[in-house]
Amino acid sequence: ITINNRAYERGYATHQAEQAVISQEKTNAANRADDAAARCALDPDCRL
């Protein structure tokens, strides 16, 4: 039972870490897109 619990906790921690990485990648991509849209809105050559 102890070995099974440790394996479950290790798997759960790994899953949480993977989800945190995916979430951070999505946040970074959204921030880059937002920054690019803001820069384009201020630049007339890009905007037109």
All heavy atoms as atom14 arrays in JSON, in Angstrom:
{
  "sequence": "ITINNRAYERGYATHQAEQAVISQEKTNAANRADDAAARCALDPDCRL",
  "atom14_mask": [
    [1, 1, 1, 1, 1, 1, 1, 1, 0, 0, 0, 0, 0, 0],
    [1, 1, 1, 1, 1, 1, 1, 0, 0, 0, 0, 0, 0, 0],
    [1, 1, 1, 1, 1, 1, 1, 1, 0, 0, 0, 0, 0, 0],
    [1, 1, 1, 1, 1, 1, 1, 1, 0, 0, 0, 0, 0, 0],
    [1, 1, 1, 1, 1, 1, 1, 1, 0, 0, 0, 0, 0, 0],
    [1, 1, 1, 1, 1, 1, 1, 1, 1, 1, 1, 0, 0, 0],
    [1, 1, 1, 1, 1, 0, 0, 0, 0, 0, 0, 0, 0, 0],
    [1, 1, 1, 1, 1, 1, 1, 1, 1, 1, 1, 1, 0, 0],
    [1, 1, 1, 1, 1, 1, 1, 1, 1, 0, 0, 0, 0, 0],
    [1, 1, 1, 1, 1, 1, 1, 1, 1, 1, 1, 0, 0, 0],
    [1, 1, 1, 1, 0, 0, 0, 0, 0, 0, 0, 0, 0, 0],
    [1, 1, 1, 1, 1, 1, 1, 1, 1, 1, 1, 1, 0, 0],
    [1, 1, 1, 1, 1, 0, 0, 0, 0, 0, 0, 0, 0, 0],
    [1, 1, 1, 1, 1, 1, 1, 0, 0, 0, 0, 0, 0, 0],
    [1, 1, 1, 1, 1, 1, 1, 1, 1, 1, 0, 0, 0, 0],
    [1, 1, 1, 1, 1, 1, 1, 1, 1, 0, 0, 0, 0, 0],
    [1, 1, 1, 1, 1, 0, 0, 0, 0, 0, 0, 0, 0, 0],
    [1, 1, 1, 1, 1, 1, 1, 1, 1, 0, 0, 0, 0, 0],
    [1, 1, 1, 1, 1, 1, 1, 1, 1, 0, 0, 0, 0, 0],
    [1, 1, 1, 1, 1, 0, 0, 0, 0, 0, 0, 0, 0, 0],
    [1, 1, 1, 1, 1, 1, 1, 0, 0, 0, 0, 0, 0, 0],
    [1, 1, 1, 1, 1, 1, 1, 1, 0, 0, 0, 0, 0, 0],
    [1, 1, 1, 1, 1, 1, 0, 0, 0, 0, 0, 0, 0, 0],
    [1, 1, 1, 1, 1, 1, 1, 1, 1, 0, 0, 0, 0, 0],
    [1, 1, 1, 1, 1, 1, 1, 1, 1, 0, 0, 0, 0, 0],
    [1, 1, 1, 1, 1, 1, 1, 1, 1, 0, 0, 0, 0, 0],
    [1, 1, 1, 1, 1, 1, 1, 0, 0, 0, 0, 0, 0, 0],
    [1, 1, 1, 1, 1, 1, 1, 1, 0, 0, 0, 0, 0, 0],
    [1, 1, 1, 1, 1, 0, 0, 0, 0, 0, 0, 0, 0, 0],
    [1, 1, 1, 1, 1, 0, 0, 0, 0, 0, 0, 0, 0, 0],
    [1, 1, 1, 1, 1, 1, 1, 1, 0, 0, 0, 0, 0, 0],
    [1, 1, 1, 1, 1, 1, 1, 1, 1, 1, 1, 0, 0, 0],
    [1, 1, 1, 1, 1, 0, 0, 0, 0, 0, 0, 0, 0, 0],
    [1, 1, 1, 1, 1, 1, 1, 1, 0, 0, 0, 0, 0, 0],
    [1, 1, 1, 1, 1, 1, 1, 1, 0, 0, 0, 0, 0, 0],
    [1, 1, 1, 1, 1, 0, 0, 0, 0, 0, 0, 0, 0, 0],
    [1, 1, 1, 1, 1, 0, 0, 0, 0, 0, 0, 0, 0, 0],
    [1, 1, 1, 1, 1, 0, 0, 0, 0, 0, 0, 0, 0, 0],
    [1, 1, 1, 1, 1, 1, 1, 1, 1, 1, 1, 0, 0, 0],
    [1, 1, 1, 1, 1, 1, 0, 0, 0, 0, 0, 0, 0, 0],
    [1, 1, 1, 1, 1, 0, 0, 0, 0, 0, 0, 0, 0, 0],
    [1, 1, 1, 1, 1, 1, 1, 1, 0, 0, 0, 0, 0, 0],
    [1, 1, 1, 1, 1, 1, 1, 1, 0, 0, 0, 0, 0, 0],
    [1, 1, 1, 1, 1, 1, 1, 0, 0, 0, 0, 0, 0, 0],
    [1, 1, 1, 1, 1, 1, 1, 1, 0, 0, 0, 0, 0, 0],
    [1, 1, 1, 1, 1, 1, 0, 0, 0, 0, 0, 0, 0, 0],
    [1, 1, 1, 1, 1, 1, 1, 1, 1, 1, 1, 0, 0, 0],
    [1, 1, 1, 1, 1, 1, 1, 1, 0, 0, 0, 0, 0, 0]
  ],
  "atom14_positions": [
    [[0.84, -1.2, 0.0], [0.0, 0.0, 0.0], [0.87, 1.25, 0.0], [0.6, 2.21, -0.73], [-0.95, -0.03, 1.21], [-2.0, -1.11, 1.02], [-1.59, 1.33, 1.43], [-2.86, -1.38, 2.24], [0.0, 0.0, 0.0], [0.0, 0.0, 0.0], [0.0, 0.0, 0.0], [0.0, 0.0, 0.0], [0.0, 0.0, 0.0], [0.0, 0.0, 0.0]],
    [[1.95, 1.23, 0.76], [2.85, 2.39, 0.81], [3.5, 2.63, -0.55], [3.58, 3.76, -1.02], [3.94, 2.15, 1.88], [3.31, 1.96, 3.14], [4.88, 3.33, 1.97], [0.0, 0.0, 0.0], [0.0, 0.0, 0.0], [0.0, 0.0, 0.0], [0.0, 0.0, 0.0], [0.0, 0.0, 0.0], [0.0, 0.0, 0.0], [0.0, 0.0, 0.0]],
    [[3.97, 1.56, -1.19], [4.59, 1.7, -2.5], [3.59, 2.23, -3.52], [3.9, 3.11, -4.33], [5.18, 0.35, -2.96], [6.4, 0.02, -2.1], [5.57, 0.37, -4.43], [6.9, -1.4, -2.28], [0.0, 0.0, 0.0], [0.0, 0.0, 0.0], [0.0, 0.0, 0.0], [0.0, 0.0, 0.0], [0.0, 0.0, 0.0], [0.0, 0.0, 0.0]],
    [[2.36, 1.73, -3.48], [1.32, 2.19, -4.4], [1.02, 3.67, -4.18], [0.86, 4.42, -5.14], [0.06, 1.34, -4.23], [-0.96, 1.64, -5.29], [-0.61, 1.92, -6.42], [-2.22, 1.58, -4.93], [0.0, 0.0, 0.0], [0.0, 0.0, 0.0], [0.0, 0.0, 0.0], [0.0, 0.0, 0.0], [0.0, 0.0, 0.0], [0.0, 0.0, 0.0]],
    [[0.93, 4.08, -2.93], [0.65, 5.49, -2.64], [1.77, 6.39, -3.13], [1.52, 7.47, -3.66], [0.43, 5.68, -1.14], [-0.9, 5.16, -0.67], [-1.79, 4.89, -1.48], [-1.06, 4.97, 0.62], [0.0, 0.0, 0.0], [0.0, 0.0, 0.0], [0.0, 0.0, 0.0], [0.0, 0.0, 0.0], [0.0, 0.0, 0.0], [0.0, 0.0, 0.0]],
    [[3.0, 5.95, -2.94], [4.14, 6.76, -3.4], [4.14, 6.88, -4.92], [4.41, 7.95, -5.47], [5.45, 6.15, -2.93], [5.7, 6.35, -1.45], [7.03, 5.79, -1.04], [7.19, 5.91, 0.4], [8.08, 5.24, 1.09], [8.9, 4.4, 0.48], [8.18, 5.4, 2.39], [0.0, 0.0, 0.0], [0.0, 0.0, 0.0], [0.0, 0.0, 0.0]],
    [[3.84, 5.8, -5.61], [3.79, 5.84, -7.07], [2.68, 6.76, -7.53], [2.85, 7.53, -8.49], [3.58, 4.43, -7.62], [0.0, 0.0, 0.0], [0.0, 0.0, 0.0], [0.0, 0.0, 0.0], [0.0, 0.0, 0.0], [0.0, 0.0, 0.0], [0.0, 0.0, 0.0], [0.0, 0.0, 0.0], [0.0, 0.0, 0.0], [0.0, 0.0, 0.0]],
    [[1.52, 6.72, -6.88], [0.42, 7.6, -7.25], [0.8, 9.05, -7.04], [0.56, 9.91, -7.9], [-0.82, 7.26, -6.41], [-1.96, 8.2, -6.64], [-2.77, 8.08, -7.76], [-2.23, 9.23, -5.75], [-3.82, 8.96, -7.98], [-3.27, 10.11, -5.96], [-4.07, 9.96, -7.07], [-5.08, 10.83, -7.29], [0.0, 0.0, 0.0], [0.0, 0.0, 0.0]],
    [[1.41, 9.36, -5.89], [1.8, 10.74, -5.61], [2.85, 11.23, -6.6], [2.82, 12.37, -7.04], [2.32, 10.85, -4.17], [1.22, 10.69, -3.14], [1.76, 10.54, -1.73], [2.99, 10.57, -1.55], [0.94, 10.4, -0.82], [0.0, 0.0, 0.0], [0.0, 0.0, 0.0], [0.0, 0.0, 0.0], [0.0, 0.0, 0.0], [0.0, 0.0, 0.0]],
    [[3.79, 10.36, -6.97], [4.82, 10.74, -7.94], [4.17, 11.03, -9.3], [4.51, 12.0, -9.97], [5.85, 9.63, -8.07], [7.03, 10.01, -8.93], [8.08, 8.9, -9.05], [8.34, 8.21, -7.82], [8.12, 6.9, -7.63], [7.65, 6.17, -8.61], [8.39, 6.33, -6.48], [0.0, 0.0, 0.0], [0.0, 0.0, 0.0], [0.0, 0.0, 0.0]],
    [[3.23, 10.19, -9.69], [2.54, 10.4, -10.96], [1.7, 11.66, -10.95], [1.65, 12.4, -11.94], [0.0, 0.0, 0.0], [0.0, 0.0, 0.0], [0.0, 0.0, 0.0], [0.0, 0.0, 0.0], [0.0, 0.0, 0.0], [0.0, 0.0, 0.0], [0.0, 0.0, 0.0], [0.0, 0.0, 0.0], [0.0, 0.0, 0.0], [0.0, 0.0, 0.0]],
    [[1.05, 11.94, -9.82], [0.23, 13.15, -9.7], [1.11, 14.4, -9.76], [0.76, 15.38, -10.41], [-0.57, 13.11, -8.4], [-1.52, 14.25, -8.24], [-2.64, 14.36, -9.05], [-1.31, 15.23, -7.29], [-3.53, 15.41, -8.92], [-2.19, 16.28, -7.14], [-3.3, 16.37, -7.95], [-4.17, 17.42, -7.82], [0.0, 0.0, 0.0], [0.0, 0.0, 0.0]],
    [[2.26, 14.34, -9.08], [3.17, 15.49, -9.11], [3.7, 15.73, -10.51], [3.82, 16.88, -10.96], [4.32, 15.27, -8.13], [0.0, 0.0, 0.0], [0.0, 0.0, 0.0], [0.0, 0.0, 0.0], [0.0, 0.0, 0.0], [0.0, 0.0, 0.0], [0.0, 0.0, 0.0], [0.0, 0.0, 0.0], [0.0, 0.0, 0.0], [0.0, 0.0, 0.0]],
    [[4.0, 14.66, -11.23], [4.47, 14.8, -12.61], [3.38, 15.41, -13.48], [3.66, 16.3, -14.3], [4.87, 13.42, -13.16], [5.89, 12.88, -12.33], [5.37, 13.52, -14.58], [0.0, 0.0, 0.0], [0.0, 0.0, 0.0], [0.0, 0.0, 0.0], [0.0, 0.0, 0.0], [0.0, 0.0, 0.0], [0.0, 0.0, 0.0], [0.0, 0.0, 0.0]],
    [[2.16, 14.96, -13.3], [1.04, 15.51, -14.08], [0.86, 16.99, -13.78], [0.66, 17.79, -14.71], [-0.25, 14.74, -13.74], [-1.47, 15.3, -14.39], [-1.7, 15.19, -15.75], [-2.52, 15.98, -13.89], [-2.84, 15.79, -16.04], [-3.36, 16.26, -14.93], [0.0, 0.0, 0.0], [0.0, 0.0, 0.0], [0.0, 0.0, 0.0], [0.0, 0.0, 0.0]],
    [[0.93, 17.38, -12.52], [0.8, 18.79, -12.17], [1.91, 19.62, -12.8], [1.66, 20.73, -13.28], [0.82, 18.96, -10.65], [-0.47, 18.6, -9.98], [-0.43, 18.88, -8.49], [0.6, 18.68, -7.85], [-1.53, 19.35, -7.96], [0.0, 0.0, 0.0], [0.0, 0.0, 0.0], [0.0, 0.0, 0.0], [0.0, 0.0, 0.0], [0.0, 0.0, 0.0]],
    [[3.13, 19.09, -12.79], [4.25, 19.83, -13.39], [4.06, 20.0, -14.89], [4.32, 21.07, -15.44], [5.57, 19.11, -13.1], [0.0, 0.0, 0.0], [0.0, 0.0, 0.0], [0.0, 0.0, 0.0], [0.0, 0.0, 0.0], [0.0, 0.0, 0.0], [0.0, 0.0, 0.0], [0.0, 0.0, 0.0], [0.0, 0.0, 0.0], [0.0, 0.0, 0.0]],
    [[3.6, 18.94, -15.56], [3.35, 19.04, -17.0], [2.25, 20.05, -17.3], [2.36, 20.84, -18.25], [2.96, 17.67, -17.55], [4.09, 16.67, -17.58], [3.62, 15.27, -17.93], [2.39, 15.05, -18.01], [4.49, 14.42, -18.13], [0.0, 0.0, 0.0], [0.0, 0.0, 0.0], [0.0, 0.0, 0.0], [0.0, 0.0, 0.0], [0.0, 0.0, 0.0]],
    [[1.19, 20.06, -16.5], [0.11, 21.01, -16.71], [0.58, 22.44, -16.47], [0.15, 23.36, -17.16], [-1.07, 20.68, -15.78], [-1.77, 19.4, -16.16], [-2.37, 19.47, -17.55], [-2.99, 20.44, -17.92], [-2.17, 18.41, -18.32], [0.0, 0.0, 0.0], [0.0, 0.0, 0.0], [0.0, 0.0, 0.0], [0.0, 0.0, 0.0], [0.0, 0.0, 0.0]],
    [[1.46, 22.63, -15.49], [2.0, 23.97, -15.23], [2.83, 24.46, -16.4], [2.75, 25.64, -16.79], [2.84, 23.95, -13.95], [0.0, 0.0, 0.0], [0.0, 0.0, 0.0], [0.0, 0.0, 0.0], [0.0, 0.0, 0.0], [0.0, 0.0, 0.0], [0.0, 0.0, 0.0], [0.0, 0.0, 0.0], [0.0, 0.0, 0.0], [0.0, 0.0, 0.0]],
    [[3.61, 23.58, -17.01], [4.43, 23.96, -18.17], [3.52, 24.32, -19.35], [3.75, 25.34, -20.02], [5.39, 22.81, -18.55], [6.02, 23.05, -19.91], [6.46, 22.65, -17.49], [0.0, 0.0, 0.0], [0.0, 0.0, 0.0], [0.0, 0.0, 0.0], [0.0, 0.0, 0.0], [0.0, 0.0, 0.0], [0.0, 0.0, 0.0], [0.0, 0.0, 0.0]],
    [[2.5, 23.52, -19.6], [1.57, 23.8, -20.7], [0.86, 25.13, -20.47], [0.73, 25.96, -21.39], [0.55, 22.66, -20.86], [1.26, 21.4, -21.38], [-0.58, 23.04, -21.79], [0.41, 20.16, -21.32], [0.0, 0.0, 0.0], [0.0, 0.0, 0.0], [0.0, 0.0, 0.0], [0.0, 0.0, 0.0], [0.0, 0.0, 0.0], [0.0, 0.0, 0.0]],
    [[0.42, 25.36, -19.25], [-0.27, 26.61, -18.93], [0.66, 27.81, -19.11], [0.24, 28.84, -19.66], [-0.78, 26.56, -17.49], [-1.38, 27.77, -17.12], [0.0, 0.0, 0.0], [0.0, 0.0, 0.0], [0.0, 0.0, 0.0], [0.0, 0.0, 0.0], [0.0, 0.0, 0.0], [0.0, 0.0, 0.0], [0.0, 0.0, 0.0], [0.0, 0.0, 0.0]],
    [[1.91, 27.67, -18.69], [2.86, 28.77, -18.84], [3.15, 29.04, -20.31], [3.26, 30.19, -20.73], [4.17, 28.44, -18.1], [5.12, 29.6, -18.02], [4.54, 30.79, -17.27], [3.92, 30.65, -16.24], [4.74, 31.97, -17.82], [0.0, 0.0, 0.0], [0.0, 0.0, 0.0], [0.0, 0.0, 0.0], [0.0, 0.0, 0.0], [0.0, 0.0, 0.0]],
    [[3.27, 27.98, -21.13], [3.5, 28.17, -22.57], [2.32, 28.89, -23.22], [2.52, 29.78, -24.05], [3.71, 26.82, -23.25], [5.04, 26.17, -22.91], [5.13, 24.75, -23.44], [4.12, 24.21, -23.94], [6.24, 24.17, -23.34], [0.0, 0.0, 0.0], [0.0, 0.0, 0.0], [0.0, 0.0, 0.0], [0.0, 0.0, 0.0], [0.0, 0.0, 0.0]],
    [[1.11, 28.53, -22.84], [-0.06, 29.21, -23.4], [-0.12, 30.67, -22.96], [-0.45, 31.56, -23.76], [-1.34, 28.48, -22.98], [-1.54, 27.16, -23.68], [-2.84, 26.5, -23.26], [-3.05, 25.19, -23.98], [-4.33, 24.56, -23.6], [0.0, 0.0, 0.0], [0.0, 0.0, 0.0], [0.0, 0.0, 0.0], [0.0, 0.0, 0.0], [0.0, 0.0, 0.0]],
    [[0.21, 30.93, -21.71], [0.23, 32.32, -21.22], [1.28, 33.13, -21.94], [1.02, 34.28, -22.34], [0.49, 32.33, -19.7], [-0.54, 31.6, -19.04], [0.53, 33.74, -19.16], [0.0, 0.0, 0.0], [0.0, 0.0, 0.0], [0.0, 0.0, 0.0], [0.0, 0.0, 0.0], [0.0, 0.0, 0.0], [0.0, 0.0, 0.0], [0.0, 0.0, 0.0]],
    [[2.46, 32.56, -22.14], [3.52, 33.27, -22.86], [3.11, 33.56, -24.3], [3.36, 34.66, -24.82], [4.82, 32.46, -22.83], [5.43, 32.39, -21.45], [5.09, 33.18, -20.56], [6.32, 31.44, -21.25], [0.0, 0.0, 0.0], [0.0, 0.0, 0.0], [0.0, 0.0, 0.0], [0.0, 0.0, 0.0], [0.0, 0.0, 0.0], [0.0, 0.0, 0.0]],
    [[2.48, 32.61, -24.98], [2.04, 32.83, -26.35], [0.98, 33.92, -26.42], [1.01, 34.78, -27.32], [1.49, 31.52, -26.95], [0.0, 0.0, 0.0], [0.0, 0.0, 0.0], [0.0, 0.0, 0.0], [0.0, 0.0, 0.0], [0.0, 0.0, 0.0], [0.0, 0.0, 0.0], [0.0, 0.0, 0.0], [0.0, 0.0, 0.0], [0.0, 0.0, 0.0]],
    [[0.06, 33.93, -25.47], [-0.97, 34.96, -25.45], [-0.36, 36.33, -25.18], [-0.76, 37.34, -25.79], [-2.02, 34.64, -24.39], [0.0, 0.0, 0.0], [0.0, 0.0, 0.0], [0.0, 0.0, 0.0], [0.0, 0.0, 0.0], [0.0, 0.0, 0.0], [0.0, 0.0, 0.0], [0.0, 0.0, 0.0], [0.0, 0.0, 0.0], [0.0, 0.0, 0.0]],
    [[0.62, 36.39, -24.28], [1.29, 37.67, -24.0], [2.06, 38.18, -25.21], [2.06, 39.38, -25.5], [2.22, 37.53, -22.8], [1.47, 37.44, -21.49], [0.31, 37.84, -21.4], [2.11, 36.9, -20.48], [0.0, 0.0, 0.0], [0.0, 0.0, 0.0], [0.0, 0.0, 0.0], [0.0, 0.0, 0.0], [0.0, 0.0, 0.0], [0.0, 0.0, 0.0]],
    [[2.73, 37.25, -25.95], [3.45, 37.68, -27.16], [2.48, 38.2, -28.21], [2.75, 39.22, -28.86], [4.25, 36.5, -27.72], [5.52, 36.2, -26.97], [6.42, 35.25, -27.73], [5.77, 33.99, -28.06], [5.74, 32.92, -27.27], [6.35, 32.95, -26.11], [5.13, 31.81, -27.66], [0.0, 0.0, 0.0], [0.0, 0.0, 0.0], [0.0, 0.0, 0.0]],
    [[1.34, 37.55, -28.38], [0.35, 38.01, -29.36], [-0.22, 39.37, -28.95], [-0.41, 40.25, -29.79], [-0.77, 36.99, -29.49], [0.0, 0.0, 0.0], [0.0, 0.0, 0.0], [0.0, 0.0, 0.0], [0.0, 0.0, 0.0], [0.0, 0.0, 0.0], [0.0, 0.0, 0.0], [0.0, 0.0, 0.0], [0.0, 0.0, 0.0], [0.0, 0.0, 0.0]],
    [[-0.47, 39.54, -27.67], [-0.99, 40.82, -27.18], [0.03, 41.94, -27.38], [-0.32, 43.04, -27.81], [-1.36, 40.68, -25.71], [-2.1, 41.89, -25.19], [-3.01, 42.37, -25.88], [-1.76, 42.36, -24.08], [0.0, 0.0, 0.0], [0.0, 0.0, 0.0], [0.0, 0.0, 0.0], [0.0, 0.0, 0.0], [0.0, 0.0, 0.0], [0.0, 0.0, 0.0]],
    [[1.29, 41.65, -27.09], [2.34, 42.65, -27.29], [2.49, 43.0, -28.77], [2.66, 44.18, -29.13], [3.68, 42.14, -26.75], [3.68, 42.01, -25.23], [2.79, 42.62, -24.59], [4.56, 41.32, -24.7], [0.0, 0.0, 0.0], [0.0, 0.0, 0.0], [0.0, 0.0, 0.0], [0.0, 0.0, 0.0], [0.0, 0.0, 0.0], [0.0, 0.0, 0.0]],
    [[2.42, 41.99, -29.63], [2.54, 42.25, -31.07], [1.37, 43.09, -31.56], [1.55, 44.01, -32.38], [2.61, 40.93, -31.83], [0.0, 0.0, 0.0], [0.0, 0.0, 0.0], [0.0, 0.0, 0.0], [0.0, 0.0, 0.0], [0.0, 0.0, 0.0], [0.0, 0.0, 0.0], [0.0, 0.0, 0.0], [0.0, 0.0, 0.0], [0.0, 0.0, 0.0]],
    [[0.16, 42.81, -31.09], [-1.01, 43.6, -31.5], [-0.89, 45.04, -31.01], [-1.24, 45.98, -31.73], [-2.28, 42.96, -30.97], [0.0, 0.0, 0.0], [0.0, 0.0, 0.0], [0.0, 0.0, 0.0], [0.0, 0.0, 0.0], [0.0, 0.0, 0.0], [0.0, 0.0, 0.0], [0.0, 0.0, 0.0], [0.0, 0.0, 0.0], [0.0, 0.0, 0.0]],
    [[-0.38, 45.21, -29.8], [-0.22, 46.57, -29.26], [0.83, 47.33, -30.06], [0.65, 48.52, -30.37], [0.16, 46.51, -27.79], [0.0, 0.0, 0.0], [0.0, 0.0, 0.0], [0.0, 0.0, 0.0], [0.0, 0.0, 0.0], [0.0, 0.0, 0.0], [0.0, 0.0, 0.0], [0.0, 0.0, 0.0], [0.0, 0.0, 0.0], [0.0, 0.0, 0.0]],
    [[1.95, 46.67, -30.41], [2.99, 47.34, -31.2], [2.47, 47.69, -32.58], [2.75, 48.77, -33.12], [4.22, 46.44, -31.32], [5.12, 46.46, -30.11], [6.47, 45.83, -30.42], [6.35, 44.48, -30.97], [6.23, 43.37, -30.26], [6.2, 43.45, -28.95], [6.13, 42.19, -30.85], [0.0, 0.0, 0.0], [0.0, 0.0, 0.0], [0.0, 0.0, 0.0]],
    [[1.7, 46.79, -33.19], [1.17, 47.04, -34.53], [0.16, 48.19, -34.5], [0.09, 48.98, -35.45], [0.53, 45.77, -35.08], [0.08, 45.92, -36.83], [0.0, 0.0, 0.0], [0.0, 0.0, 0.0], [0.0, 0.0, 0.0], [0.0, 0.0, 0.0], [0.0, 0.0, 0.0], [0.0, 0.0, 0.0], [0.0, 0.0, 0.0], [0.0, 0.0, 0.0]],
    [[-0.62, 48.29, -33.43], [-1.61, 49.37, -33.34], [-0.95, 50.74, -33.26], [-1.52, 51.73, -33.7], [-2.51, 49.14, -32.13], [0.0, 0.0, 0.0], [0.0, 0.0, 0.0], [0.0, 0.0, 0.0], [0.0, 0.0, 0.0], [0.0, 0.0, 0.0], [0.0, 0.0, 0.0], [0.0, 0.0, 0.0], [0.0, 0.0, 0.0], [0.0, 0.0, 0.0]],
    [[0.27, 50.8, -32.73], [0.97, 52.08, -32.6], [1.79, 52.43, -33.84], [2.18, 53.58, -34.01], [1.9, 52.03, -31.38], [1.19, 51.9, -30.03], [2.23, 51.75, -28.91], [0.3, 53.09, -29.77], [0.0, 0.0, 0.0], [0.0, 0.0, 0.0], [0.0, 0.0, 0.0], [0.0, 0.0, 0.0], [0.0, 0.0, 0.0], [0.0, 0.0, 0.0]],
    [[2.04, 51.47, -34.71], [2.87, 51.69, -35.88], [1.96, 51.84, -37.11], [1.27, 50.91, -37.49], [3.81, 50.49, -36.07], [4.76, 50.7, -37.24], [4.85, 51.82, -37.74], [5.41, 49.7, -37.63], [0.0, 0.0, 0.0], [0.0, 0.0, 0.0], [0.0, 0.0, 0.0], [0.0, 0.0, 0.0], [0.0, 0.0, 0.0], [0.0, 0.0, 0.0]],
    [[1.95, 53.02, -37.76], [1.07, 53.22, -38.9], [1.38, 52.29, -40.07], [0.47, 51.84, -40.76], [1.3, 54.67, -39.31], [1.98, 55.32, -38.17], [2.65, 54.25, -37.39], [0.0, 0.0, 0.0], [0.0, 0.0, 0.0], [0.0, 0.0, 0.0], [0.0, 0.0, 0.0], [0.0, 0.0, 0.0], [0.0, 0.0, 0.0], [0.0, 0.0, 0.0]],
    [[2.66, 52.0, -40.32], [2.99, 51.09, -41.42], [2.4, 49.7, -41.18], [1.88, 49.06, -42.09], [4.51, 50.97, -41.59], [5.11, 52.27, -42.11], [4.36, 53.02, -42.77], [6.3, 52.5, -41.86], [0.0, 0.0, 0.0], [0.0, 0.0, 0.0], [0.0, 0.0, 0.0], [0.0, 0.0, 0.0], [0.0, 0.0, 0.0], [0.0, 0.0, 0.0]],
    [[2.47, 49.24, -39.98], [1.93, 47.91, -39.65], [0.41, 47.94, -39.63], [-0.24, 47.02, -40.12], [2.46, 47.46, -38.28], [1.82, 45.87, -37.74], [0.0, 0.0, 0.0], [0.0, 0.0, 0.0], [0.0, 0.0, 0.0], [0.0, 0.0, 0.0], [0.0, 0.0, 0.0], [0.0, 0.0, 0.0], [0.0, 0.0, 0.0], [0.0, 0.0, 0.0]],
    [[-0.13, 49.0, -39.09], [-1.58, 49.1, -38.95], [-2.27, 49.15, -40.3], [-3.37, 48.61, -40.48], [-1.92, 50.34, -38.12], [-3.35, 50.38, -37.67], [-3.63, 51.56, -36.76], [-3.36, 52.83, -37.42], [-2.53, 53.76, -36.96], [-1.86, 53.58, -35.85], [-2.34, 54.87, -37.63], [0.0, 0.0, 0.0], [0.0, 0.0, 0.0], [0.0, 0.0, 0.0]],
    [[-1.66, 49.78, -41.29], [-2.28, 49.95, -42.6], [-1.88, 48.85, -43.59], [-2.34, 48.87, -44.72], [-1.91, 51.32, -43.17], [-2.42, 52.5, -42.32], [-1.92, 53.81, -42.91], [-3.93, 52.49, -42.24], [0.0, 0.0, 0.0], [0.0, 0.0, 0.0], [0.0, 0.0, 0.0], [0.0, 0.0, 0.0], [0.0, 0.0, 0.0], [0.0, 0.0, 0.0]]
  ]
}
